[in-house]
Amino acid sequence: MVGHVGFDKIEAGEEGGLDTHAYAHYLHHKYFEVNYADGLIPFDKWFGTWHDGTKDGDEAMNARWQKKLQRENARKEAQEGNQA
């Protein structure tokens, strides 16, 4: 639920705040192929699915997507070759 509040931070007094990771979660809904975890444990950074909203994040996401498409196309070609 915290990721759906729409704010990056929730104020907790004058000097404090709670990070909601809402922007990272927004990017997950925008692209779906990124930011699966809630940000408490850096799973996305470990597994290469982190997107921080920058142009570099877009490029990394697109490179991962292209590799995924290549793997899928190679798998389909191999299946078609086995059926012939």
Protein backbone atom coordinates (compact mmCIF):
# COMPACT_ATOMS: atom_id res chain seq x y z
CA MET A 1 0.00 0.00 0.00
CA VAL A 2 2.82 2.43 0.79
CA GLY A 3 3.92 2.32 -2.87
CA HIS A 4 0.49 3.49 -3.99
CA VAL A 5 0.23 6.66 -1.91
CA GLY A 6 1.40 8.89 -4.76
CA PHE A 7 4.05 10.68 -2.71
CA ASP A 8 7.81 10.10 -2.49
CA LYS A 9 7.83 10.73 1.26
CA ILE A 10 5.33 10.82 4.10
CA GLU A 11 6.11 13.51 6.66
CA ALA A 12 6.82 12.29 10.17
CA GLY A 13 7.28 15.46 12.17
CA GLU A 14 9.12 18.61 11.18
CA GLU A 15 12.49 16.96 10.58
CA GLY A 16 11.56 13.42 9.56
CA GLY A 17 9.93 11.52 6.77
CA LEU A 18 9.29 8.00 5.53
CA ASP A 19 10.46 7.11 2.03
CA THR A 20 7.57 5.50 0.14
CA HIS A 21 9.41 4.44 -3.05
CA ALA A 22 6.32 5.71 -4.90
CA TYR A 23 8.28 6.98 -7.92
CA ALA A 24 10.02 3.62 -8.39
CA HIS A 25 6.63 1.91 -8.10
CA TYR A 26 5.15 4.35 -10.61
CA LEU A 27 7.91 3.37 -13.06
CA HIS A 28 7.00 -0.30 -12.50
CA HIS A 29 3.42 0.45 -13.57
CA LYS A 30 4.63 2.54 -16.49
CA TYR A 31 7.06 -0.06 -17.89
CA PHE A 32 6.23 -3.23 -15.90
CA GLU A 33 9.65 -4.76 -16.73
CA VAL A 34 11.34 -2.81 -13.91
CA ASN A 35 11.19 -2.18 -10.15
CA TYR A 36 9.46 -5.37 -9.01
CA ALA A 37 10.62 -5.13 -5.38
CA ASP A 38 9.47 -2.58 -2.83
CA GLY A 39 12.90 -0.99 -2.41
CA LEU A 40 13.54 -2.16 1.13
CA ILE A 41 15.90 -4.84 -0.14
CA PRO A 42 17.67 -3.88 -3.39
CA PHE A 43 16.54 -6.95 -5.38
CA ASP A 44 16.07 -4.91 -8.55
CA LYS A 45 19.61 -3.57 -8.35
CA TRP A 46 20.94 -7.09 -7.73
CA PHE A 47 18.99 -8.64 -10.62
CA GLY A 48 19.39 -5.77 -13.08
CA THR A 49 15.76 -4.66 -13.20
CA TRP A 50 16.23 -1.31 -11.43
CA HIS A 51 15.05 1.84 -13.22
CA ASP A 52 15.67 5.22 -11.61
CA GLY A 53 13.75 7.33 -14.13
CA THR A 54 16.82 8.57 -16.01
CA LYS A 55 17.78 8.21 -19.66
CA ASP A 56 20.42 5.67 -18.57
CA GLY A 57 17.64 3.70 -16.87
CA ASP A 58 15.66 3.74 -20.14
CA GLU A 59 18.68 2.53 -22.09
CA ALA A 60 19.40 -0.30 -19.63
CA MET A 61 15.73 -1.36 -19.70
CA ASN A 62 15.66 -1.34 -23.51
CA ALA A 63 18.90 -3.34 -23.70
CA ARG A 64 17.44 -5.98 -21.32
CA TRP A 65 14.26 -6.09 -23.44
CA GLN A 66 16.22 -6.58 -26.67
CA LYS A 67 18.19 -9.46 -25.11
CA LYS A 68 14.93 -11.03 -23.94
CA LEU A 69 13.45 -10.75 -27.45
CA GLN A 70 16.57 -12.33 -28.96
CA ARG A 71 16.36 -15.26 -26.52
CA GLU A 72 12.66 -15.77 -27.30
CA ASN A 73 13.23 -15.61 -31.05
CA ALA A 74 16.11 -18.11 -30.81
CA ARG A 75 13.92 -20.45 -28.74
CA LYS A 76 11.08 -20.24 -31.30
CA GLU A 77 13.47 -20.88 -34.19
CA ALA A 78 14.90 -23.90 -32.40
CA GLN A 79 11.41 -25.29 -31.79
CA GLU A 80 10.44 -24.76 -35.43
CA GLY A 81 13.66 -26.48 -36.56
CA ASN A 82 12.89 -29.49 -34.32
CA GLN A 83 9.39 -29.79 -35.78
CA ALA A 84 10.59 -29.86 -39.38
